[in-house]
């Protein structure tokens, strides 16, 4: 009888289909991210706010092969990682460049970054467009480098694994945009 109930429960789960998307403050991203024949899982979800007025700029999700609350382990893992952002506020090309430059100053301002990454970083800035509300930007970080997708279309492929790690570290490393966003992407903060 117990075996039969377990089988019925399993069938019920399979028929129910995929789970609901994860959400925060009524905003959501998918629970999974398909990538080159594998499915990454959502590790955490957060909102980036700016100014004292807490303007919601983007919703971000971190997708990994296996969930972890350890930023160092995620950064060191050989598998692909994706940061998916959905813009909640428009951002001009100048706004986007300003955010890149502020992130670079926080994360590389004291010689932490490899100087040979500078050319690829400048190329990344040049290729990333401004955004309207609802647009998405994905950073696909692999051992081969960084792929940037804007509204699911490739805008940059940069064969620089170090830059890929640096971009990811810009979200979950020692100097994130905000500690709250980092904690949420690592799945250690609750709404």
N, C-alpha and C. Protein backbone atom coordinates (compact mmCIF):
# COMPACT_ATOMS: atom_id res chain seq x y z
N UNK A 1 0.82 -1.20 0.00
CA UNK A 1 0.00 0.00 0.00
C UNK A 1 0.86 1.26 0.00
N UNK A 2 1.93 1.27 0.85
CA UNK A 2 2.80 2.44 0.90
C UNK A 2 3.49 2.65 -0.44
N UNK A 3 3.87 1.55 -1.06
CA UNK A 3 4.54 1.65 -2.35
C UNK A 3 3.60 2.25 -3.39
N UNK A 4 2.36 1.84 -3.35
CA UNK A 4 1.36 2.34 -4.30
C UNK A 4 1.12 3.83 -4.09
N UNK A 5 1.04 4.29 -2.83
CA UNK A 5 0.85 5.71 -2.53
C UNK A 5 2.05 6.52 -3.00
N UNK A 6 3.25 6.00 -2.80
CA UNK A 6 4.45 6.69 -3.24
C UNK A 6 4.46 6.83 -4.75
N UNK A 7 4.06 5.77 -5.46
CA UNK A 7 4.00 5.80 -6.91
C UNK A 7 2.96 6.81 -7.39
N UNK A 8 1.81 6.86 -6.74
CA UNK A 8 0.78 7.84 -7.10
C UNK A 8 1.27 9.27 -6.85
N UNK A 9 1.97 9.49 -5.76
CA UNK A 9 2.50 10.82 -5.46
C UNK A 9 3.52 11.24 -6.51
N UNK A 10 4.39 10.30 -6.91
CA UNK A 10 5.38 10.60 -7.93
C UNK A 10 4.70 10.92 -9.26
N UNK A 11 3.70 10.16 -9.63
CA UNK A 11 2.95 10.44 -10.86
C UNK A 11 2.30 11.82 -10.80
N UNK A 12 1.77 12.17 -9.66
CA UNK A 12 1.16 13.49 -9.49
C UNK A 12 2.16 14.60 -9.69
N UNK A 13 3.37 14.43 -9.17
CA UNK A 13 4.42 15.44 -9.36
C UNK A 13 4.81 15.56 -10.82
N UNK A 14 4.93 14.43 -11.51
CA UNK A 14 5.31 14.45 -12.91
C UNK A 14 4.24 15.10 -13.78
N UNK A 15 2.99 14.83 -13.47
CA UNK A 15 1.90 15.42 -14.24
C UNK A 15 1.70 16.90 -13.95
N UNK A 16 2.12 17.33 -12.79
CA UNK A 16 1.95 18.74 -12.42
C UNK A 16 2.82 19.65 -13.28
N UNK A 17 3.91 19.13 -13.87
CA UNK A 17 4.76 19.94 -14.72
C UNK A 17 5.73 20.76 -13.91
N UNK A 18 6.41 21.70 -14.58
CA UNK A 18 7.42 22.49 -13.88
C UNK A 18 6.81 23.38 -12.81
N UNK A 19 7.64 23.71 -11.81
CA UNK A 19 7.19 24.55 -10.72
C UNK A 19 6.98 25.98 -11.16
N UNK A 20 6.36 26.72 -10.32
CA UNK A 20 6.11 28.13 -10.55
C UNK A 20 7.42 28.89 -10.54
N UNK A 21 7.46 29.99 -11.26
CA UNK A 21 8.67 30.81 -11.28
C UNK A 21 8.90 31.43 -9.90
N UNK A 22 10.18 31.60 -9.56
CA UNK A 22 10.53 32.25 -8.30
C UNK A 22 10.15 33.72 -8.39
N UNK A 23 9.77 34.30 -7.26
CA UNK A 23 9.36 35.71 -7.30
C UNK A 23 9.85 36.45 -6.06
N UNK A 24 9.95 37.77 -6.22
CA UNK A 24 10.31 38.69 -5.16
C UNK A 24 9.56 39.99 -5.44
N UNK A 25 8.90 40.51 -4.45
CA UNK A 25 8.12 41.74 -4.60
C UNK A 25 7.17 41.68 -5.80
N UNK A 26 6.62 40.51 -6.06
CA UNK A 26 5.68 40.35 -7.16
C UNK A 26 6.33 40.22 -8.53
N UNK A 27 7.67 40.22 -8.59
CA UNK A 27 8.40 40.08 -9.85
C UNK A 27 9.00 38.69 -9.91
N UNK A 28 9.10 38.12 -11.12
CA UNK A 28 9.60 36.75 -11.19
C UNK A 28 10.50 36.52 -12.40
N UNK A 29 11.31 35.49 -12.26
CA UNK A 29 12.13 34.94 -13.33
C UNK A 29 11.92 33.43 -13.33
N UNK A 30 12.21 32.77 -14.44
CA UNK A 30 12.03 31.31 -14.49
C UNK A 30 12.91 30.59 -13.46
N UNK A 31 12.47 29.42 -13.03
CA UNK A 31 13.23 28.60 -12.08
C UNK A 31 14.44 27.93 -12.73
N UNK A 32 14.43 27.83 -14.06
CA UNK A 32 15.53 27.18 -14.77
C UNK A 32 15.96 28.03 -15.97
N UNK A 33 17.17 27.75 -16.44
CA UNK A 33 17.71 28.45 -17.61
C UNK A 33 18.37 27.40 -18.50
N UNK A 34 17.82 27.15 -19.71
CA UNK A 34 18.41 26.15 -20.60
C UNK A 34 19.68 26.71 -21.24
N UNK A 35 20.73 25.88 -21.25
CA UNK A 35 22.00 26.35 -21.80
C UNK A 35 22.77 25.17 -22.39
N UNK A 36 22.92 25.17 -23.69
CA UNK A 36 23.76 24.20 -24.40
C UNK A 36 23.52 22.76 -23.94
N UNK A 37 22.29 22.33 -23.98
CA UNK A 37 21.98 20.95 -23.66
C UNK A 37 21.86 20.63 -22.18
N UNK A 38 22.00 21.61 -21.32
CA UNK A 38 21.80 21.37 -19.90
C UNK A 38 20.85 22.42 -19.34
N UNK A 39 20.38 22.17 -18.15
CA UNK A 39 19.46 23.10 -17.51
C UNK A 39 20.08 23.60 -16.22
N UNK A 40 20.28 24.90 -16.14
CA UNK A 40 20.79 25.51 -14.91
C UNK A 40 19.61 25.85 -14.02
N UNK A 41 19.83 25.84 -12.71
CA UNK A 41 18.76 26.13 -11.75
C UNK A 41 18.97 27.50 -11.13
N UNK A 42 17.88 28.12 -10.76
CA UNK A 42 17.93 29.43 -10.13
C UNK A 42 18.50 29.29 -8.72
N UNK A 43 19.60 29.96 -8.47
CA UNK A 43 20.25 29.93 -7.16
C UNK A 43 19.64 30.98 -6.24
N UNK A 44 19.32 32.14 -6.80
CA UNK A 44 18.75 33.23 -6.02
C UNK A 44 18.28 34.34 -6.92
N UNK A 45 17.46 35.21 -6.36
CA UNK A 45 16.77 36.26 -7.10
C UNK A 45 16.80 37.53 -6.27
N UNK A 46 17.18 38.67 -6.88
CA UNK A 46 17.22 39.92 -6.15
C UNK A 46 16.91 41.11 -7.03
N UNK A 47 16.69 42.25 -6.38
CA UNK A 47 16.39 43.50 -7.09
C UNK A 47 17.49 44.50 -6.79
N UNK A 48 18.00 45.13 -7.84
CA UNK A 48 19.00 46.18 -7.69
C UNK A 48 18.27 47.51 -7.61
N UNK A 49 18.53 48.22 -6.53
CA UNK A 49 17.93 49.55 -6.36
C UNK A 49 19.05 50.60 -6.35
N UNK A 50 18.69 51.81 -6.74
CA UNK A 50 19.62 52.93 -6.75
C UNK A 50 19.00 54.13 -6.05
N UNK A 51 19.82 54.98 -5.55
CA UNK A 51 19.50 56.25 -4.91
C UNK A 51 18.77 56.04 -3.57
N UNK A 52 18.65 57.12 -2.85
CA UNK A 52 17.97 57.06 -1.55
C UNK A 52 16.48 56.78 -1.71
N UNK A 53 15.99 56.95 -2.94
CA UNK A 53 14.57 56.70 -3.21
C UNK A 53 14.29 55.24 -3.56
N UNK A 54 15.35 54.42 -3.55
CA UNK A 54 15.23 52.98 -3.81
C UNK A 54 14.53 52.68 -5.16
N UNK A 55 15.00 53.36 -6.20
CA UNK A 55 14.47 53.12 -7.54
C UNK A 55 14.87 51.71 -7.97
N UNK A 56 13.89 50.90 -8.34
CA UNK A 56 14.16 49.53 -8.78
C UNK A 56 14.67 49.57 -10.21
N UNK A 57 15.94 49.18 -10.39
CA UNK A 57 16.57 49.26 -11.70
C UNK A 57 16.43 47.96 -12.47
N UNK A 58 16.75 46.83 -11.82
CA UNK A 58 16.61 45.55 -12.50
C UNK A 58 16.37 44.43 -11.49
N UNK A 59 15.77 43.38 -12.00
CA UNK A 59 15.58 42.13 -11.29
C UNK A 59 16.68 41.21 -11.80
N UNK A 60 17.41 40.55 -10.92
CA UNK A 60 18.51 39.67 -11.34
C UNK A 60 18.33 38.28 -10.75
N UNK A 61 18.68 37.29 -11.54
CA UNK A 61 18.69 35.91 -11.08
C UNK A 61 20.03 35.28 -11.42
N UNK A 62 20.53 34.47 -10.51
CA UNK A 62 21.78 33.73 -10.73
C UNK A 62 21.42 32.27 -10.97
N UNK A 63 21.87 31.75 -12.10
CA UNK A 63 21.61 30.36 -12.48
C UNK A 63 22.91 29.58 -12.46
N UNK A 64 22.88 28.41 -11.84
CA UNK A 64 24.05 27.55 -11.68
C UNK A 64 23.67 26.09 -11.92
N UNK A 65 24.68 25.24 -12.08
CA UNK A 65 24.41 23.81 -12.26
C UNK A 65 23.91 23.18 -10.97
N UNK A 66 24.45 23.63 -9.85
CA UNK A 66 24.05 23.10 -8.54
C UNK A 66 23.99 24.27 -7.55
N UNK A 67 22.89 24.41 -6.85
CA UNK A 67 22.72 25.53 -5.92
C UNK A 67 23.80 25.55 -4.84
N UNK A 68 24.19 26.76 -4.47
CA UNK A 68 25.19 26.94 -3.42
C UNK A 68 25.00 28.31 -2.80
N UNK A 69 25.29 28.41 -1.53
CA UNK A 69 25.26 29.71 -0.84
C UNK A 69 26.66 30.28 -0.68
N UNK A 70 27.65 29.60 -1.25
CA UNK A 70 29.05 29.96 -1.11
C UNK A 70 29.54 30.65 -2.39
N UNK A 71 29.74 31.95 -2.33
CA UNK A 71 30.17 32.71 -3.50
C UNK A 71 31.49 32.19 -4.06
N UNK A 72 32.44 31.88 -3.19
CA UNK A 72 33.74 31.38 -3.65
C UNK A 72 33.59 30.07 -4.41
N UNK A 73 32.74 29.19 -3.90
CA UNK A 73 32.54 27.90 -4.57
C UNK A 73 31.89 28.11 -5.94
N UNK A 74 30.93 29.01 -6.02
CA UNK A 74 30.28 29.29 -7.30
C UNK A 74 31.29 29.86 -8.28
N UNK A 75 32.07 30.85 -7.84
CA UNK A 75 33.06 31.47 -8.72
C UNK A 75 34.12 30.47 -9.19
N UNK A 76 34.49 29.52 -8.34
CA UNK A 76 35.53 28.54 -8.68
C UNK A 76 35.01 27.35 -9.46
N UNK A 77 33.70 27.13 -9.46
CA UNK A 77 33.16 25.94 -10.13
C UNK A 77 33.39 26.03 -11.63
N UNK A 78 33.72 24.89 -12.26
CA UNK A 78 34.03 24.90 -13.68
C UNK A 78 32.80 25.01 -14.59
N UNK A 79 31.63 24.72 -14.07
CA UNK A 79 30.42 24.74 -14.88
C UNK A 79 29.97 26.15 -15.24
N UNK A 80 29.05 26.23 -16.19
CA UNK A 80 28.54 27.55 -16.60
C UNK A 80 27.69 28.19 -15.50
N UNK A 81 27.70 29.50 -15.51
CA UNK A 81 26.85 30.30 -14.62
C UNK A 81 26.23 31.41 -15.45
N UNK A 82 25.01 31.79 -15.10
CA UNK A 82 24.32 32.85 -15.84
C UNK A 82 23.73 33.84 -14.85
N UNK A 83 23.96 35.12 -15.12
CA UNK A 83 23.24 36.18 -14.42
C UNK A 83 22.26 36.74 -15.43
N UNK A 84 20.98 36.61 -15.14
CA UNK A 84 19.91 37.11 -16.00
C UNK A 84 19.29 38.32 -15.34
N UNK A 85 19.26 39.42 -16.07
CA UNK A 85 18.69 40.66 -15.54
C UNK A 85 17.48 41.06 -16.39
N UNK A 86 16.43 41.50 -15.72
CA UNK A 86 15.28 42.07 -16.43
C UNK A 86 15.14 43.51 -15.94
N UNK A 87 15.18 44.44 -16.87
CA UNK A 87 15.16 45.86 -16.50
C UNK A 87 13.77 46.29 -16.05
N UNK A 88 13.75 46.97 -14.93
CA UNK A 88 12.52 47.49 -14.35
C UNK A 88 12.44 49.01 -14.54
N UNK A 89 13.53 49.58 -15.02
CA UNK A 89 13.65 51.02 -15.23
C UNK A 89 14.48 51.20 -16.50
N UNK A 90 14.18 52.19 -17.29
CA UNK A 90 14.98 52.39 -18.50
C UNK A 90 16.40 52.79 -18.13
N UNK A 91 17.32 52.44 -19.01
CA UNK A 91 18.73 52.77 -18.80
C UNK A 91 19.33 53.15 -20.16
N UNK A 92 19.78 54.38 -20.28
CA UNK A 92 20.40 54.81 -21.52
C UNK A 92 21.76 54.12 -21.68
N UNK A 93 22.33 54.20 -22.85
CA UNK A 93 23.66 53.66 -23.09
C UNK A 93 24.66 54.28 -22.11
N UNK A 94 24.51 55.58 -21.83
CA UNK A 94 25.39 56.27 -20.88
C UNK A 94 25.20 55.73 -19.46
N UNK A 95 23.94 55.45 -19.08
CA UNK A 95 23.68 54.87 -17.76
C UNK A 95 24.35 53.51 -17.61
N UNK A 96 24.25 52.70 -18.66
CA UNK A 96 24.85 51.37 -18.64
C UNK A 96 26.37 51.49 -18.49
N UNK A 97 26.96 52.37 -19.29
CA UNK A 97 28.42 52.57 -19.20
C UNK A 97 28.82 53.04 -17.81
N UNK A 98 28.05 53.94 -17.23
CA UNK A 98 28.35 54.45 -15.89
C UNK A 98 28.36 53.32 -14.87
N UNK A 99 27.39 52.41 -14.96
CA UNK A 99 27.34 51.28 -14.02
C UNK A 99 28.53 50.34 -14.20
N UNK A 100 28.90 50.09 -15.47
CA UNK A 100 30.10 49.28 -15.72
C UNK A 100 31.33 49.94 -15.08
N UNK A 101 31.48 51.23 -15.30
CA UNK A 101 32.66 51.95 -14.79
C UNK A 101 32.68 51.97 -13.25
N UNK A 102 31.52 52.14 -12.63
CA UNK A 102 31.47 52.12 -11.16
C UNK A 102 31.81 50.73 -10.63
N UNK A 103 31.31 49.70 -11.30
CA UNK A 103 31.64 48.33 -10.90
C UNK A 103 33.12 48.05 -11.07
N UNK A 104 33.69 48.53 -12.17
CA UNK A 104 35.13 48.35 -12.41
C UNK A 104 35.94 49.05 -11.32
N UNK A 105 35.55 50.27 -10.96
CA UNK A 105 36.28 51.00 -9.92
C UNK A 105 36.21 50.27 -8.58
N UNK A 106 35.03 49.72 -8.24
CA UNK A 106 34.87 48.99 -6.96
C UNK A 106 35.65 47.68 -6.94
N UNK A 107 35.66 46.99 -8.08
CA UNK A 107 36.23 45.64 -8.11
C UNK A 107 37.67 45.57 -8.64
N UNK A 108 38.11 46.59 -9.33
CA UNK A 108 39.45 46.56 -9.93
C UNK A 108 40.29 47.77 -9.55
N UNK A 109 39.75 48.66 -8.75
CA UNK A 109 40.40 49.92 -8.44
C UNK A 109 41.71 49.83 -7.69
N UNK A 110 42.01 48.70 -7.10
CA UNK A 110 43.26 48.55 -6.34
C UNK A 110 44.12 47.43 -6.92
N UNK A 111 44.05 47.27 -8.23
CA UNK A 111 44.88 46.28 -8.90
C UNK A 111 44.38 44.86 -8.83
N UNK A 112 43.10 44.65 -8.47
CA UNK A 112 42.57 43.29 -8.33
C UNK A 112 42.35 42.60 -9.68
N UNK A 113 42.24 43.35 -10.74
CA UNK A 113 41.93 42.77 -12.05
C UNK A 113 43.17 42.70 -12.93
N UNK A 114 43.17 41.73 -13.81
CA UNK A 114 44.26 41.53 -14.74
C UNK A 114 44.24 42.67 -15.77
N UNK A 115 45.33 43.43 -15.90
CA UNK A 115 45.36 44.53 -16.86
C UNK A 115 45.08 44.09 -18.30
N UNK A 116 45.36 42.82 -18.61
CA UNK A 116 45.11 42.34 -19.97
C UNK A 116 43.61 42.22 -20.28
N UNK A 117 42.75 42.32 -19.26
CA UNK A 117 41.30 42.27 -19.46
C UNK A 117 40.74 43.60 -19.95
N UNK A 118 41.50 44.67 -19.84
CA UNK A 118 41.00 46.02 -20.11
C UNK A 118 40.39 46.15 -21.51
N UNK A 119 41.08 45.64 -22.54
CA UNK A 119 40.57 45.75 -23.91
C UNK A 119 39.24 45.03 -24.07
N UNK A 120 39.13 43.82 -23.51
CA UNK A 120 37.87 43.07 -23.60
C UNK A 120 36.76 43.76 -22.81
N UNK A 121 37.12 44.35 -21.67
CA UNK A 121 36.13 45.08 -20.87
C UNK A 121 35.60 46.29 -21.66
N UNK A 122 36.48 47.01 -22.32
CA UNK A 122 36.06 48.16 -23.13
C UNK A 122 35.17 47.70 -24.29
N UNK A 123 35.49 46.56 -24.87
CA UNK A 123 34.65 46.00 -25.94
C UNK A 123 33.26 45.65 -25.41
N UNK A 124 33.22 45.07 -24.22
CA UNK A 124 31.94 44.75 -23.59
C UNK A 124 31.10 46.00 -23.40
N UNK A 125 31.70 47.05 -22.90
CA UNK A 125 30.97 48.30 -22.70
C UNK A 125 30.44 48.83 -24.04
N UNK A 126 31.28 48.80 -25.06
CA UNK A 126 30.89 49.32 -26.37
C UNK A 126 29.73 48.54 -26.98
N UNK A 127 29.67 47.23 -26.74
CA UNK A 127 28.64 46.39 -27.36
C UNK A 127 27.33 46.30 -26.59
N UNK A 128 27.34 46.68 -25.31
CA UNK A 128 26.12 46.56 -24.50
C UNK A 128 25.24 47.79 -24.72
N UNK A 129 24.00 47.59 -25.16
CA UNK A 129 23.12 48.73 -25.45
C UNK A 129 22.43 49.27 -24.20
N UNK A 130 21.76 50.40 -24.37
CA UNK A 130 20.86 50.89 -23.34
C UNK A 130 19.66 49.95 -23.29
N UNK A 131 18.79 50.14 -22.29
CA UNK A 131 17.68 49.20 -22.11
C UNK A 131 16.38 49.93 -21.81
N UNK A 132 15.30 49.32 -22.26
CA UNK A 132 13.95 49.80 -21.93
C UNK A 132 13.37 48.88 -20.86
N UNK A 133 12.31 49.32 -20.22
CA UNK A 133 11.63 48.49 -19.23
C UNK A 133 11.20 47.18 -19.89
N UNK A 134 11.54 46.05 -19.25
CA UNK A 134 11.19 44.74 -19.77
C UNK A 134 12.30 44.05 -20.55
N UNK A 135 13.29 44.81 -21.01
CA UNK A 135 14.42 44.20 -21.71
C UNK A 135 15.18 43.28 -20.77
N UNK A 136 15.84 42.27 -21.36
CA UNK A 136 16.67 41.37 -20.56
C UNK A 136 18.12 41.43 -21.03
N UNK A 137 19.01 41.20 -20.10
CA UNK A 137 20.45 41.13 -20.36
C UNK A 137 20.96 39.91 -19.61
N UNK A 138 21.64 39.03 -20.31
CA UNK A 138 22.16 37.82 -19.67
C UNK A 138 23.67 37.76 -19.87
N UNK A 139 24.37 37.49 -18.78
CA UNK A 139 25.81 37.23 -18.81
C UNK A 139 25.97 35.72 -18.65
N UNK A 140 26.46 35.07 -19.68
CA UNK A 140 26.71 33.64 -19.66
C UNK A 140 28.21 33.45 -19.45
N UNK A 141 28.57 32.96 -18.29
CA UNK A 141 29.97 32.83 -17.89
C UNK A 141 30.38 31.36 -17.96
N UNK A 142 31.38 31.07 -18.80
CA UNK A 142 31.86 29.70 -18.95
C UNK A 142 33.39 29.68 -18.88
N UNK A 143 33.95 28.49 -18.96
CA UNK A 143 35.40 28.35 -18.98
C UNK A 143 36.00 28.89 -20.28
N UNK A 144 35.16 29.08 -21.28
CA UNK A 144 35.62 29.64 -22.55
C UNK A 144 35.61 31.16 -22.55
N UNK A 145 34.76 31.76 -21.72
CA UNK A 145 34.68 33.20 -21.69
C UNK A 145 33.29 33.70 -21.35
N UNK A 146 32.95 34.84 -21.92
CA UNK A 146 31.71 35.54 -21.60
C UNK A 146 30.88 35.72 -22.85
N UNK A 147 29.62 35.35 -22.76
CA UNK A 147 28.66 35.63 -23.82
C UNK A 147 27.60 36.54 -23.22
N UNK A 148 27.27 37.59 -23.92
CA UNK A 148 26.25 38.53 -23.46
C UNK A 148 25.07 38.47 -24.43
N UNK A 149 23.89 38.25 -23.85
CA UNK A 149 22.66 38.20 -24.64
C UNK A 149 21.77 39.37 -24.24
N UNK A 150 21.27 40.09 -25.21
CA UNK A 150 20.32 41.17 -24.96
C UNK A 150 19.01 40.76 -25.61
N UNK A 151 17.96 40.62 -24.79
CA UNK A 151 16.68 40.11 -25.26
C UNK A 151 16.87 38.79 -26.02
N UNK A 152 17.69 37.92 -25.45
CA UNK A 152 17.98 36.57 -25.96
C UNK A 152 18.75 36.54 -27.27
N UNK A 153 19.30 37.68 -27.70
CA UNK A 153 20.11 37.72 -28.91
C UNK A 153 21.55 38.05 -28.52
N UNK A 154 22.53 37.30 -29.06
CA UNK A 154 23.93 37.57 -28.72
C UNK A 154 24.37 38.98 -29.15
N UNK A 155 25.01 39.69 -28.24
CA UNK A 155 25.58 41.00 -28.58
C UNK A 155 27.09 40.98 -28.39
N UNK A 156 27.62 40.03 -27.63
CA UNK A 156 29.06 39.95 -27.43
C UNK A 156 29.46 38.53 -27.07
N UNK A 157 30.53 38.07 -27.69
CA UNK A 157 31.19 36.82 -27.35
C UNK A 157 32.65 37.17 -27.12
N UNK A 158 33.09 37.05 -25.88
CA UNK A 158 34.44 37.45 -25.53
C UNK A 158 35.17 36.24 -24.95
N UNK A 159 36.16 35.76 -25.67
CA UNK A 159 36.91 34.57 -25.28
C UNK A 159 37.93 34.93 -24.19
N UNK A 160 37.40 35.25 -23.02
CA UNK A 160 38.26 35.65 -21.90
C UNK A 160 37.63 35.12 -20.61
N UNK A 161 38.02 33.92 -20.16
CA UNK A 161 37.44 33.34 -18.95
C UNK A 161 37.64 34.20 -17.71
N UNK A 162 38.75 34.91 -17.64
CA UNK A 162 39.00 35.77 -16.48
C UNK A 162 37.98 36.90 -16.42
N UNK A 163 37.67 37.51 -17.56
CA UNK A 163 36.66 38.56 -17.59
C UNK A 163 35.29 38.00 -17.19
N UNK A 164 34.97 36.79 -17.65
CA UNK A 164 33.70 36.16 -17.28
C UNK A 164 33.60 36.02 -15.76
N UNK A 165 34.69 35.56 -15.14
CA UNK A 165 34.70 35.42 -13.68
C UNK A 165 34.59 36.77 -13.00
N UNK A 166 35.25 37.77 -13.54
CA UNK A 166 35.20 39.13 -12.95
C UNK A 166 33.79 39.71 -13.03
N UNK A 167 33.10 39.48 -14.14
CA UNK A 167 31.73 40.00 -14.27
C UNK A 167 30.85 39.32 -13.22
N UNK A 168 30.96 38.01 -13.08
CA UNK A 168 30.18 37.29 -12.07
C UNK A 168 30.54 37.76 -10.67
N UNK A 169 31.84 37.94 -10.41
CA UNK A 169 32.28 38.43 -9.10
C UNK A 169 31.75 39.82 -8.81
N UNK A 170 31.47 40.58 -9.86
CA UNK A 170 30.88 41.90 -9.68
C UNK A 170 29.49 41.83 -9.05
N UNK A 171 28.85 40.68 -9.12
CA UNK A 171 27.53 40.48 -8.50
C UNK A 171 27.62 39.78 -7.14
N UNK A 172 28.53 38.79 -7.02
CA UNK A 172 28.55 37.97 -5.80
C UNK A 172 29.90 37.96 -5.09
N UNK A 173 30.84 38.76 -5.56
CA UNK A 173 32.17 38.80 -4.96
C UNK A 173 32.25 39.75 -3.79
N UNK A 174 33.44 40.23 -3.50
CA UNK A 174 33.68 41.09 -2.33
C UNK A 174 33.08 42.48 -2.44
N UNK A 175 32.85 42.96 -3.67
CA UNK A 175 32.33 44.32 -3.87
C UNK A 175 31.12 44.33 -4.80
N UNK A 176 30.01 43.75 -4.36
CA UNK A 176 28.82 43.67 -5.21
C UNK A 176 28.13 45.04 -5.32
N UNK A 177 27.17 45.17 -6.23
CA UNK A 177 26.41 46.41 -6.33
C UNK A 177 25.75 46.78 -5.00
N UNK A 178 25.26 45.76 -4.28
CA UNK A 178 24.73 45.94 -2.93
C UNK A 178 24.82 44.60 -2.20
N UNK A 179 25.00 44.66 -0.89
CA UNK A 179 25.08 43.43 -0.10
C UNK A 179 23.76 42.67 -0.14
N UNK A 180 22.64 43.40 -0.21
CA UNK A 180 21.33 42.74 -0.27
C UNK A 180 21.19 41.94 -1.56
N UNK A 181 21.60 42.55 -2.69
CA UNK A 181 21.51 41.83 -3.96
C UNK A 181 22.39 40.58 -3.92
N UNK A 182 23.61 40.71 -3.44
CA UNK A 182 24.51 39.56 -3.33
C UNK A 182 23.88 38.45 -2.48
N UNK A 183 23.37 38.81 -1.31
CA UNK A 183 22.77 37.81 -0.41
C UNK A 183 21.60 37.11 -1.08
N UNK A 184 20.80 37.85 -1.80
CA UNK A 184 19.64 37.25 -2.47
C UNK A 184 20.06 36.34 -3.62
N UNK A 185 21.07 36.75 -4.39
CA UNK A 185 21.55 35.89 -5.47
C UNK A 185 22.16 34.60 -4.92
N UNK A 186 22.74 34.68 -3.73
CA UNK A 186 23.30 33.49 -3.09
C UNK A 186 22.24 32.70 -2.33
N UNK A 187 21.02 33.19 -2.30
CA UNK A 187 19.94 32.48 -1.64
C UNK A 187 20.00 32.51 -0.13
N UNK A 188 20.67 33.53 0.44
CA UNK A 188 20.79 33.61 1.89
C UNK A 188 19.93 34.71 2.50
N UNK A 189 19.15 35.40 1.70
CA UNK A 189 18.27 36.45 2.22
C UNK A 189 16.84 36.13 1.81
N UNK A 190 15.91 36.45 2.66
CA UNK A 190 14.49 36.23 2.34
C UNK A 190 13.79 37.57 2.30
N UNK A 191 12.69 37.60 1.55
CA UNK A 191 11.92 38.83 1.42
C UNK A 191 11.25 39.18 2.73
